[in-house]
């Protein structure tokens, strides 16, 4: 899925910047699901079964499933927000919201006490200086790109075998 790791939205962002074509989550799903979704999932299940499945104790296989218990209110909120996110991602060709804005909204809703499952006590345990550090790194990268210093630096060094696209 496009939201499963950061490289896929990064590739989609590069495609949009270079060609002007916006790659929506629904399009990505349509193109990638048969191979990267079904085939890869089946292959993963097969490899896991071959490596570990035949050695699982019978006790683990016969244990009660946690799915048989009803969902508590926090779990229902998380499930509702997750389904809202998937619905917005799957219908992005209709509303034209970029997937990153949907993801940021979901993160905000998940971390807001009262909306998401995180109470204030757990929110206080988040390492905010690290998050600010990551945000500062992204800001510095954007500033270098906006100023053109990144291109001048790369252009000043002749990288062997490298073919950088020119703007």
Foldseek 3Di string as FASTA:
>chain_A
DQPPDDVSVVVQVVCCVVPVDHDALQNVCVVCCVCVNVVVVVVVVVVCCVVPVVPDDVCVVPDDDPVVDDDDPQRVLVVVLVVVLVVCRNCCVPVVDHNVVSVVVSVVQQLDPPRHNDDPVVSVVDPVVVVVVVVVVVVVVVVCVVVVVVVVVCVVDDDPPDDDDDD
